[in-house]
Amino acid sequence: MKIVSVETLQGVAYEELGLVSGSTIQSKNMFSDFGQGLKSIVGGELKSYTDMMEKAREKATKRMIEKAMEMNADAIIGVRFTTNSIMAQAAEVLVFGTAVKYK
């Protein structure tokens, strides 16, 4: 499955099948969150949060691909990611794009 952020595929004939998306909401456990709070006092990367968000993006992308495969898509174009804070220790990752089928 080809996944690209560009809005069109140059030199390829295709039909648009529709919007596909995937999302997940992730949170850290209380003990990890406490440790990261201490880290924010001295500065630097919050590694466990970076890892959490990377895993969340992977999970959301996998869900989007599964939806595109159900539509028999060959590619997803115009892919975008967005995040939202759901509550103090939880974030949503949403990925979306347009599923297309090569002609």
PDB file of N, CA and C in Angstrom:
ATOM      1  N   MET A   1       0.855  -1.172   0.000  1.00  0.00           N
ATOM      2  CA  MET A   1       0.000   0.000   0.000  1.00  0.00           C
ATOM      3  C   MET A   1       0.902   1.237   0.000  1.00  0.00           C
ATOM      4  N   LYS A   2       0.739   2.059  -1.011  1.00  0.00           N
ATOM      5  CA  LYS A   2       1.499   3.301  -1.092  1.00  0.00           C
ATOM      6  C   LYS A   2       0.761   4.362  -0.276  1.00  0.00           C
ATOM      7  N   ILE A   3       1.513   5.064   0.583  1.00  0.00           N
ATOM      8  CA  ILE A   3       0.942   6.112   1.427  1.00  0.00           C
ATOM      9  C   ILE A   3       1.787   7.359   1.221  1.00  0.00           C
ATOM     10  N   VAL A   4       1.142   8.435   0.747  1.00  0.00           N
ATOM     11  CA  VAL A   4       1.878   9.664   0.456  1.00  0.00           C
ATOM     12  C   VAL A   4       1.122  10.886   0.970  1.00  0.00           C
ATOM     13  N   SER A   5       1.867  11.946   1.223  1.00  0.00           N
ATOM     14  CA  SER A   5       1.247  13.178   1.696  1.00  0.00           C
ATOM     15  C   SER A   5       0.867  14.115   0.553  1.00  0.00           C
ATOM     16  N   VAL A   6       1.329  13.834  -0.653  1.00  0.00           N
ATOM     17  CA  VAL A   6       0.977  14.683  -1.794  1.00  0.00           C
ATOM     18  C   VAL A   6      -0.498  14.507  -2.140  1.00  0.00           C
ATOM     19  N   GLU A   7      -1.067  15.551  -2.748  1.00  0.00           N
ATOM     20  CA  GLU A   7      -2.506  15.549  -3.051  1.00  0.00           C
ATOM     21  C   GLU A   7      -2.857  14.757  -4.306  1.00  0.00           C
ATOM     22  N   THR A   8      -1.899  14.579  -5.209  1.00  0.00           N
ATOM     23  CA  THR A   8      -2.148  13.830  -6.443  1.00  0.00           C
ATOM     24  C   THR A   8      -0.938  12.958  -6.752  1.00  0.00           C
ATOM     25  N   LEU A   9      -1.174  11.917  -7.537  1.00  0.00           N
ATOM     26  CA  LEU A   9      -0.095  11.051  -8.008  1.00  0.00           C
ATOM     27  C   LEU A   9       0.175  11.405  -9.461  1.00  0.00           C
ATOM     28  N   GLN A  10       1.351  11.912  -9.745  1.00  0.00           N
ATOM     29  CA  GLN A  10       1.712  12.325 -11.100  1.00  0.00           C
ATOM     30  C   GLN A  10       1.934  11.107 -11.990  1.00  0.00           C
ATOM     31  N   GLY A  11       1.375  11.160 -13.191  1.00  0.00           N
ATOM     32  CA  GLY A  11       1.593  10.116 -14.176  1.00  0.00           C
ATOM     33  C   GLY A  11       0.876   8.810 -13.886  1.00  0.00           C
ATOM     34  N   VAL A  12      -0.071   8.823 -12.959  1.00  0.00           N
ATOM     35  CA  VAL A  12      -0.802   7.610 -12.602  1.00  0.00           C
ATOM     36  C   VAL A  12      -2.300   7.897 -12.719  1.00  0.00           C
ATOM     37  N   ALA A  13      -2.992   7.048 -13.467  1.00  0.00           N
ATOM     38  CA  ALA A  13      -4.447   7.188 -13.559  1.00  0.00           C
ATOM     39  C   ALA A  13      -5.074   6.441 -12.382  1.00  0.00           C
ATOM     40  N   TYR A  14      -5.972   7.116 -11.678  1.00  0.00           N
ATOM     41  CA  TYR A  14      -6.616   6.485 -10.530  1.00  0.00           C
ATOM     42  C   TYR A  14      -7.984   7.102 -10.300  1.00  0.00           C
ATOM     43  N   GLU A  15      -8.781   6.375  -9.548  1.00  0.00           N
ATOM     44  CA  GLU A  15     -10.076   6.913  -9.126  1.00  0.00           C
ATOM     45  C   GLU A  15     -10.073   7.028  -7.611  1.00  0.00           C
ATOM     46  N   GLU A  16     -10.696   8.075  -7.120  1.00  0.00           N
ATOM     47  CA  GLU A  16     -10.778   8.281  -5.684  1.00  0.00           C
ATOM     48  C   GLU A  16     -11.899   7.422  -5.120  1.00  0.00           C
ATOM     49  N   LEU A  17     -11.593   6.676  -4.060  1.00  0.00           N
ATOM     50  CA  LEU A  17     -12.582   5.809  -3.437  1.00  0.00           C
ATOM     51  C   LEU A  17     -13.254   6.460  -2.236  1.00  0.00           C
ATOM     52  N   GLY A  18     -12.578   7.398  -1.622  1.00  0.00           N
ATOM     53  CA  GLY A  18     -13.153   8.090  -0.478  1.00  0.00           C
ATOM     54  C   GLY A  18     -12.168   8.276   0.661  1.00  0.00           C
ATOM     55  N   LEU A  19     -12.643   8.963   1.672  1.00  0.00           N
ATOM     56  CA  LEU A  19     -11.850   9.268   2.853  1.00  0.00           C
ATOM     57  C   LEU A  19     -11.639   8.020   3.705  1.00  0.00           C
ATOM     58  N   VAL A  20     -10.428   7.860   4.183  1.00  0.00           N
ATOM     59  CA  VAL A  20     -10.126   6.814   5.158  1.00  0.00           C
ATOM     60  C   VAL A  20      -9.393   7.465   6.326  1.00  0.00           C
ATOM     61  N   SER A  21      -9.609   6.920   7.505  1.00  0.00           N
ATOM     62  CA  SER A  21      -8.953   7.482   8.692  1.00  0.00           C
ATOM     63  C   SER A  21      -8.686   6.375   9.697  1.00  0.00           C
ATOM     64  N   GLY A  22      -7.834   6.691  10.621  1.00  0.00           N
ATOM     65  CA  GLY A  22      -7.540   5.799  11.733  1.00  0.00           C
ATOM     66  C   GLY A  22      -7.197   6.658  12.930  1.00  0.00           C
ATOM     67  N   SER A  23      -7.550   6.196  14.116  1.00  0.00           N
ATOM     68  CA  SER A  23      -7.233   6.984  15.307  1.00  0.00           C
ATOM     69  C   SER A  23      -6.995   6.075  16.500  1.00  0.00           C
ATOM     70  N   THR A  24      -6.399   6.660  17.516  1.00  0.00           N
ATOM     71  CA  THR A  24      -6.198   5.989  18.795  1.00  0.00           C
ATOM     72  C   THR A  24      -6.049   7.060  19.861  1.00  0.00           C
ATOM     73  N   ILE A  25      -6.407   6.723  21.067  1.00  0.00           N
ATOM     74  CA  ILE A  25      -6.198   7.602  22.213  1.00  0.00           C
ATOM     75  C   ILE A  25      -5.262   6.872  23.157  1.00  0.00           C
ATOM     76  N   GLN A  26      -4.177   7.543  23.521  1.00  0.00           N
ATOM     77  CA  GLN A  26      -3.149   6.932  24.353  1.00  0.00           C
ATOM     78  C   GLN A  26      -2.952   7.749  25.623  1.00  0.00           C
ATOM     79  N   SER A  27      -2.553   7.069  26.675  1.00  0.00           N
ATOM     80  CA  SER A  27      -2.197   7.758  27.919  1.00  0.00           C
ATOM     81  C   SER A  27      -1.023   7.040  28.563  1.00  0.00           C
ATOM     82  N   LYS A  28      -0.328   7.741  29.431  1.00  0.00           N
ATOM     83  CA  LYS A  28       0.771   7.148  30.186  1.00  0.00           C
ATOM     84  C   LYS A  28       0.242   6.750  31.556  1.00  0.00           C
ATOM     85  N   ASN A  29       0.882   5.758  32.146  1.00  0.00           N
ATOM     86  CA  ASN A  29       0.458   5.376  33.496  1.00  0.00           C
ATOM     87  C   ASN A  29       0.921   6.424  34.507  1.00  0.00           C
ATOM     88  N   MET A  30       0.294   6.435  35.647  1.00  0.00           N
ATOM     89  CA  MET A  30       0.527   7.449  36.665  1.00  0.00           C
ATOM     90  C   MET A  30       1.997   7.546  37.065  1.00  0.00           C
ATOM     91  N   PHE A  31       2.680   6.415  37.219  1.00  0.00           N
ATOM     92  CA  PHE A  31       4.068   6.423  37.678  1.00  0.00           C
ATOM     93  C   PHE A  31       5.002   6.989  36.612  1.00  0.00           C
ATOM     94  N   SER A  32       4.773   6.616  35.370  1.00  0.00           N
ATOM     95  CA  SER A  32       5.587   7.145  34.278  1.00  0.00           C
ATOM     96  C   SER A  32       5.347   8.641  34.127  1.00  0.00           C
ATOM     97  N   ASP A  33       4.082   9.041  34.260  1.00  0.00           N
ATOM     98  CA  ASP A  33       3.742  10.451  34.131  1.00  0.00           C
ATOM     99  C   ASP A  33       4.432  11.276  35.218  1.00  0.00           C
ATOM    100  N   PHE A  34       4.503  10.743  36.423  1.00  0.00           N
ATOM    101  CA  PHE A  34       5.170  11.434  37.529  1.00  0.00           C
ATOM    102  C   PHE A  34       6.650  11.642  37.200  1.00  0.00           C
ATOM    103  N   GLY A  35       7.287  10.603  36.709  1.00  0.00           N
ATOM    104  CA  GLY A  35       8.697  10.690  36.339  1.00  0.00           C
ATOM    105  C   GLY A  35       8.938  11.704  35.239  1.00  0.00           C
ATOM    106  N   GLN A  36       8.043  11.768  34.270  1.00  0.00           N
ATOM    107  CA  GLN A  36       8.188  12.727  33.184  1.00  0.00           C
ATOM    108  C   GLN A  36       7.961  14.149  33.687  1.00  0.00           C
ATOM    109  N   GLY A  37       7.096  14.308  34.693  1.00  0.00           N
ATOM    110  CA  GLY A  37       6.886  15.616  35.300  1.00  0.00           C
ATOM    111  C   GLY A  37       8.159  16.125  35.945  1.00  0.00           C
ATOM    112  N   LEU A  38       8.893  15.233  36.601  1.00  0.00           N
ATOM    113  CA  LEU A  38      10.174  15.622  37.195  1.00  0.00           C
ATOM    114  C   LEU A  38      11.181  15.991  36.114  1.00  0.00           C
ATOM    115  N   LYS A  39      11.173  15.255  35.015  1.00  0.00           N
ATOM    116  CA  LYS A  39      12.101  15.523  33.903  1.00  0.00           C
ATOM    117  C   LYS A  39      11.832  16.902  33.314  1.00  0.00           C
ATOM    118  N   SER A  40      10.563  17.322  33.289  1.00  0.00           N
ATOM    119  CA  SER A  40      10.240  18.619  32.690  1.00  0.00           C
ATOM    120  C   SER A  40      10.803  19.783  33.501  1.00  0.00           C
ATOM    121  N   ILE A  41      11.138  19.546  34.749  1.00  0.00           N
ATOM    122  CA  ILE A  41      11.728  20.602  35.587  1.00  0.00           C
ATOM    123  C   ILE A  41      13.121  20.970  35.083  1.00  0.00           C
ATOM    124  N   VAL A  42      13.902  19.964  34.702  1.00  0.00           N
ATOM    125  CA  VAL A  42      15.276  20.215  34.260  1.00  0.00           C
ATOM    126  C   VAL A  42      15.393  20.371  32.749  1.00  0.00           C
ATOM    127  N   GLY A  43      14.369  20.024  32.016  1.00  0.00           N
ATOM    128  CA  GLY A  43      14.376  20.166  30.561  1.00  0.00           C
ATOM    129  C   GLY A  43      14.872  18.921  29.862  1.00  0.00           C
ATOM    130  N   GLY A  44      14.715  18.897  28.565  1.00  0.00           N
ATOM    131  CA  GLY A  44      15.150  17.767  27.760  1.00  0.00           C
ATOM    132  C   GLY A  44      13.959  17.011  27.188  1.00  0.00           C
ATOM    133  N   GLU A  45      14.272  16.049  26.362  1.00  0.00           N
ATOM    134  CA  GLU A  45      13.233  15.246  25.710  1.00  0.00           C
ATOM    135  C   GLU A  45      12.532  14.353  26.716  1.00  0.00           C
ATOM    136  N   LEU A  46      11.215  14.272  26.601  1.00  0.00           N
ATOM    137  CA  LEU A  46      10.421  13.353  27.413  1.00  0.00           C
ATOM    138  C   LEU A  46      10.290  12.062  26.611  1.00  0.00           C
ATOM    139  N   LYS A  47      11.307  11.220  26.718  1.00  0.00           N
ATOM    140  CA  LYS A  47      11.454  10.031  25.859  1.00  0.00           C
ATOM    141  C   LYS A  47      10.250   9.111  25.907  1.00  0.00           C
ATOM    142  N   SER A  48       9.680   8.878  27.087  1.00  0.00           N
ATOM    143  CA  SER A  48       8.550   7.944  27.140  1.00  0.00           C
ATOM    144  C   SER A  48       7.327   8.513  26.417  1.00  0.00           C
ATOM    145  N   TYR A  49       7.176   9.837  26.421  1.00  0.00           N
ATOM    146  CA  TYR A  49       6.079  10.450  25.673  1.00  0.00           C
ATOM    147  C   TYR A  49       6.350  10.408  24.171  1.00  0.00           C
ATOM    148  N   THR A  50       7.603  10.614  23.781  1.00  0.00           N
ATOM    149  CA  THR A  50       7.967  10.494  22.375  1.00  0.00           C
ATOM    150  C   THR A  50       7.655   9.085  21.877  1.00  0.00           C
ATOM    151  N   ASP A  51       8.038   8.077  22.658  1.00  0.00           N
ATOM    152  CA  ASP A  51       7.763   6.682  22.285  1.00  0.00           C
ATOM    153  C   ASP A  51       6.269   6.414  22.220  1.00  0.00           C
ATOM    154  N   MET A  52       5.517   6.939  23.203  1.00  0.00           N
ATOM    155  CA  MET A  52       4.071   6.738  23.229  1.00  0.00           C
ATOM    156  C   MET A  52       3.422   7.308  21.971  1.00  0.00           C
ATOM    157  N   MET A  53       3.832   8.517  21.582  1.00  0.00           N
ATOM    158  CA  MET A  53       3.225   9.150  20.413  1.00  0.00           C
ATOM    159  C   MET A  53       3.634   8.451  19.122  1.00  0.00           C
ATOM    160  N   GLU A  54       4.854   7.945  19.051  1.00  0.00           N
ATOM    161  CA  GLU A  54       5.283   7.186  17.875  1.00  0.00           C
ATOM    162  C   GLU A  54       4.439   5.918  17.719  1.00  0.00           C
ATOM    163  N   LYS A  55       4.224   5.210  18.810  1.00  0.00           N
ATOM    164  CA  LYS A  55       3.387   4.006  18.774  1.00  0.00           C
ATOM    165  C   LYS A  55       1.953   4.354  18.415  1.00  0.00           C
ATOM    166  N   ALA A  56       1.464   5.474  18.909  1.00  0.00           N
ATOM    167  CA  ALA A  56       0.102   5.905  18.593  1.00  0.00           C
ATOM    168  C   ALA A  56      -0.030   6.214  17.103  1.00  0.00           C
ATOM    169  N   ARG A  57       0.963   6.888  16.514  1.00  0.00           N
ATOM    170  CA  ARG A  57       0.923   7.168  15.071  1.00  0.00           C
ATOM    171  C   ARG A  57       0.936   5.881  14.268  1.00  0.00           C
ATOM    172  N   GLU A  58       1.766   4.914  14.681  1.00  0.00           N
ATOM    173  CA  GLU A  58       1.825   3.619  13.984  1.00  0.00           C
ATOM    174  C   GLU A  58       0.480   2.901  14.059  1.00  0.00           C
ATOM    175  N   LYS A  59      -0.141   2.895  15.238  1.00  0.00           N
ATOM    176  CA  LYS A  59      -1.421   2.216  15.422  1.00  0.00           C
ATOM    177  C   LYS A  59      -2.520   2.882  14.593  1.00  0.00           C
ATOM    178  N   ALA A  60      -2.564   4.207  14.607  1.00  0.00           N
ATOM    179  CA  ALA A  60      -3.574   4.937  13.836  1.00  0.00           C
ATOM    180  C   ALA A  60      -3.380   4.699  12.339  1.00  0.00           C
ATOM    181  N   THR A  61      -2.119   4.707  11.887  1.00  0.00           N
ATOM    182  CA  THR A  61      -1.831   4.468  10.468  1.00  0.00           C
ATOM    183  C   THR A  61      -2.251   3.062  10.062  1.00  0.00           C
ATOM    184  N   LYS A  62      -1.978   2.078  10.900  1.00  0.00           N
ATOM    185  CA  LYS A  62      -2.382   0.698  10.605  1.00  0.00           C
ATOM    186  C   LYS A  62      -3.896   0.610  10.451  1.00  0.00           C
ATOM    187  N   ARG A  63      -4.631   1.284  11.307  1.00  0.00           N
ATOM    188  CA  ARG A  63      -6.098   1.265  11.225  1.00  0.00           C
ATOM    189  C   ARG A  63      -6.589   1.935   9.940  1.00  0.00           C
ATOM    190  N   MET A  64      -5.934   3.019   9.533  1.00  0.00           N
ATOM    191  CA  MET A  64      -6.306   3.684   8.290  1.00  0.00           C
ATOM    192  C   MET A  64      -6.051   2.763   7.096  1.00  0.00           C
ATOM    193  N   ILE A  65      -4.911   2.094   7.088  1.00  0.00           N
ATOM    194  CA  ILE A  65      -4.572   1.172   6.000  1.00  0.00           C
ATOM    195  C   ILE A  65      -5.582   0.036   5.930  1.00  0.00           C
ATOM    196  N   GLU A  66      -5.982  -0.508   7.072  1.00  0.00           N
ATOM    197  CA  GLU A  66      -6.973  -1.582   7.086  1.00  0.00           C
ATOM    198  C   GLU A  66      -8.280  -1.139   6.437  1.00  0.00           C
ATOM    199  N   LYS A  67      -8.710   0.083   6.700  1.00  0.00           N
ATOM    200  CA  LYS A  67      -9.936   0.602   6.084  1.00  0.00           C
ATOM    201  C   LYS A  67      -9.767   0.750   4.581  1.00  0.00           C
ATOM    202  N   ALA A  68      -8.595   1.220   4.151  1.00  0.00           N
ATOM    203  CA  ALA A  68      -8.338   1.368   2.722  1.00  0.00           C
ATOM    204  C   ALA A  68      -8.318   0.003   2.036  1.00  0.00           C
ATOM    205  N   MET A  69      -7.755  -1.000   2.696  1.00  0.00           N
ATOM    206  CA  MET A  69      -7.709  -2.350   2.122  1.00  0.00           C
ATOM    207  C   MET A  69      -9.114  -2.924   1.981  1.00  0.00           C
ATOM    208  N   GLU A  70     -10.001  -2.613   2.924  1.00  0.00           N
ATOM    209  CA  GLU A  70     -11.397  -3.056   2.825  1.00  0.00           C
ATOM    210  C   GLU A  70     -12.078  -2.466   1.592  1.00  0.00           C
ATOM    211  N   MET A  71     -11.598  -1.314   1.138  1.00  0.00           N
ATOM    212  CA  MET A  71     -12.133  -0.653  -0.051  1.00  0.00           C
ATOM    213  C   MET A  71     -11.398  -1.088  -1.322  1.00  0.00           C
ATOM    214  N   ASN A  72     -10.448  -2.026  -1.182  1.00  0.00           N
ATOM    215  CA  ASN A  72      -9.600  -2.490  -2.289  1.00  0.00           C
ATOM    216  C   ASN A  72      -8.763  -1.361  -2.881  1.00  0.00           C
ATOM    217  N   ALA A  73      -8.303  -0.465  -2.048  1.00  0.00           N
ATOM    218  CA  ALA A  73      -7.476   0.655  -2.504  1.00  0.00           C
ATOM    219  C   ALA A  73      -6.052   0.187  -2.782  1.00  0.00           C
ATOM    220  N   ASP A  74      -5.404   0.905  -3.687  1.00  0.00           N
ATOM    221  CA  ASP A  74      -3.998   0.651  -3.997  1.00  0.00           C
ATOM    222  C   ASP A  74      -3.081   1.638  -3.291  1.00  0.00           C
ATOM    223  N   ALA A  75      -3.619   2.786  -2.915  1.00  0.00           N
ATOM    224  CA  ALA A  75      -2.812   3.822  -2.294  1.00  0.00           C
ATOM    225  C   ALA A  75      -3.699   4.750  -1.469  1.00  0.00           C
ATOM    226  N   ILE A  76      -3.043   5.524  -0.617  1.00  0.00           N
ATOM    227  CA  ILE A  76      -3.728   6.571   0.133  1.00  0.00           C
ATOM    228  C   ILE A  76      -2.941   7.854  -0.113  1.00  0.00           C
ATOM    229  N   ILE A  77      -3.619   8.874  -0.616  1.00  0.00           N
ATOM    230  CA  ILE A  77      -2.950  10.138  -0.923  1.00  0.00           C
ATOM    231  C   ILE A  77      -3.443  11.237   0.027  1.00  0.00           C
ATOM    232  N   GLY A  78      -2.681  12.318   0.085  1.00  0.00           N
ATOM    233  CA  GLY A  78      -3.066  13.462   0.914  1.00  0.00           C
ATOM    234  C   GLY A  78      -3.093  13.145   2.392  1.00  0.00           C
ATOM    235  N   VAL A  79      -2.197  12.285   2.841  1.00  0.00           N
ATOM    236  CA  VAL A  79      -2.214  11.822   4.230  1.00  0.00           C
ATOM    237  C   VAL A  79      -1.768  12.940   5.178  1.00  0.00           C
ATOM    238  N   ARG A  80      -2.539  13.094   6.247  1.00  0.00           N
ATOM    239  CA  ARG A  80      -2.253  14.097   7.273  1.00  0.00           C
ATOM    240  C   ARG A  80      -2.434  13.481   8.657  1.00  0.00           C
ATOM    241  N   PHE A  81      -1.654  13.982   9.607  1.00  0.00           N
ATOM    242  CA  PHE A  81      -1.772  13.588  11.012  1.00  0.00           C
ATOM    243  C   PHE A  81      -2.235  14.788  11.821  1.00  0.00           C
ATOM    244  N   THR A  82      -3.000  14.525  12.843  1.00  0.00           N
ATOM    245  CA  THR A  82      -3.385  15.563  13.790  1.00  0.00           C
ATOM    246  C   THR A  82      -3.449  14.952  15.180  1.00  0.00           C
ATOM    247  N   THR A  83      -3.224  15.775  16.187  1.00  0.00           N
ATOM    248  CA  THR A  83      -3.323  15.306  17.571  1.00  0.00           C
ATOM    249  C   THR A  83      -4.189  16.266  18.361  1.00  0.00           C
ATOM    250  N   ASN A  84      -4.843  15.724  19.367  1.00  0.00           N
ATOM    251  CA  ASN A  84      -5.673  16.515  20.276  1.00  0.00           C
ATOM    252  C   ASN A  84      -5.465  16.012  21.688  1.00  0.00           C
ATOM    253  N   SER A  85      -5.470  16.928  22.626  1.00  0.00           N
ATOM    254  CA  SER A  85      -5.423  16.552  24.034  1.00  0.00           C
ATOM    255  C   SER A  85      -6.841  16.226  24.470  1.00  0.00           C
ATOM    256  N   ILE A  86      -7.048  15.012  24.957  1.00  0.00           N
ATOM    257  CA  ILE A  86      -8.372  14.571  25.381  1.00  0.00           C
ATOM    258  C   ILE A  86      -8.596  14.937  26.845  1.00  0.00           C
ATOM    259  N   MET A  87      -7.564  14.756  27.649  1.00  0.00           N
ATOM    260  CA  MET A  87      -7.569  15.122  29.062  1.00  0.00           C
ATOM    261  C   MET A  87      -6.124  15.330  29.476  1.00  0.00           C
ATOM    262  N   ALA A  88      -5.867  15.598  30.719  1.00  0.00           N
ATOM    263  CA  ALA A  88      -4.518  15.955  31.164  1.00  0.00           C
ATOM    264  C   ALA A  88      -3.448  14.956  30.735  1.00  0.00           C
ATOM    265  N   GLN A  89      -3.708  13.661  30.815  1.00  0.00           N
ATOM    266  CA  GLN A  89      -2.684  12.664  30.494  1.00  0.00           C
ATOM    267  C   GLN A  89      -3.031  11.804  29.275  1.00  0.00           C
ATOM    268  N   ALA A  90      -3.913  12.275  28.402  1.00  0.00           N
ATOM    269  CA  ALA A  90      -4.298  11.467  27.251  1.00  0.00           C
ATOM    270  C   ALA A  90      -4.325  12.312  25.984  1.00  0.00           C
ATOM    271  N   ALA A  91      -3.877  11.710  24.885  1.00  0.00           N
ATOM    272  CA  ALA A  91      -3.857  12.398  23.599  1.00  0.00           C
ATOM    273  C   ALA A  91      -4.433  11.482  22.523  1.00  0.00           C
ATOM    274  N   GLU A  92      -5.161  12.089  21.594  1.00  0.00           N
ATOM    275  CA  GLU A  92      -5.677  11.364  20.436  1.00  0.00           C
ATOM    276  C   GLU A  92      -4.769  11.642  19.261  1.00  0.00           C
ATOM    277  N   VAL A  93      -4.482  10.610  18.488  1.00  0.00           N
ATOM    278  CA  VAL A  93      -3.782  10.753  17.218  1.00  0.00           C
ATOM    279  C   VAL A  93      -4.755  10.323  16.138  1.00  0.00           C
ATOM    280  N   LEU A  94      -4.947  11.186  15.145  1.00  0.00           N
ATOM    281  CA  LEU A  94      -5.826  10.907  14.018  1.00  0.00           C
ATOM    282  C   LEU A  94      -5.008  11.045  12.742  1.00  0.00           C
ATOM    283  N   VAL A  95      -5.139  10.078  11.858  1.00  0.00           N
ATOM    284  CA  VAL A  95      -4.502  10.151  10.541  1.00  0.00           C
ATOM    285  C   VAL A  95      -5.596   9.941   9.501  1.00  0.00           C
ATOM    286  N   PHE A  96      -5.536  10.703   8.403  1.00  0.00           N
ATOM    287  CA  PHE A  96      -6.566  10.582   7.388  1.00  0.00           C
ATOM    288  C   PHE A  96      -5.988  10.888   6.015  1.00  0.00           C
ATOM    289  N   GLY A  97      -6.665  10.382   5.002  1.00  0.00           N
ATOM    290  CA  GLY A  97      -6.258  10.611   3.618  1.00  0.00           C
ATOM    291  C   GLY A  97      -7.338  10.099   2.689  1.00  0.00           C
ATOM    292  N   THR A  98      -7.054  10.129   1.398  1.00  0.00           N
ATOM    293  CA  THR A  98      -8.005   9.675   0.380  1.00  0.00           C
ATOM    294  C   THR A  98      -7.531   8.354  -0.199  1.00  0.00           C
ATOM    295  N   ALA A  99      -8.373   7.336  -0.108  1.00  0.00           N
ATOM    296  CA  ALA A  99      -8.065   6.036  -0.696  1.00  0.00           C
ATOM    297  C   ALA A  99      -8.288   6.109  -2.196  1.00  0.00           C
ATOM    298  N   VAL A 100      -7.343   5.556  -2.976  1.00  0.00           N
ATOM    299  CA  VAL A 100      -7.459   5.568  -4.428  1.00  0.00           C
ATOM    300  C   VAL A 100      -7.194   4.175  -5.000  1.00  0.00           C
ATOM    301  N   LYS A 101      -7.773   3.934  -6.182  1.00  0.00           N
ATOM    302  CA  LYS A 101      -7.591   2.670  -6.907  1.00  0.00           C
ATOM    303  C   LYS A 101      -6.992   3.007  -8.260  1.00  0.00           C
ATOM    304  N   TYR A 102      -5.875   2.341  -8.611  1.00  0.00           N
ATOM    305  CA  TYR A 102      -5.252   2.561  -9.918  1.00  0.00           C
ATOM    306  C   TYR A 102      -6.169   2.043 -11.015  1.00  0.00           C
ATOM    307  N   LYS A 103      -6.187   2.770 -12.148  1.00  0.00           N
ATOM    308  CA  LYS A 103      -6.982   2.331 -13.302  1.00  0.00           C
ATOM    309  C   LYS A 103      -6.142   1.479 -14.224  1.00  0.00           C
TER     310      LYS A 103
END
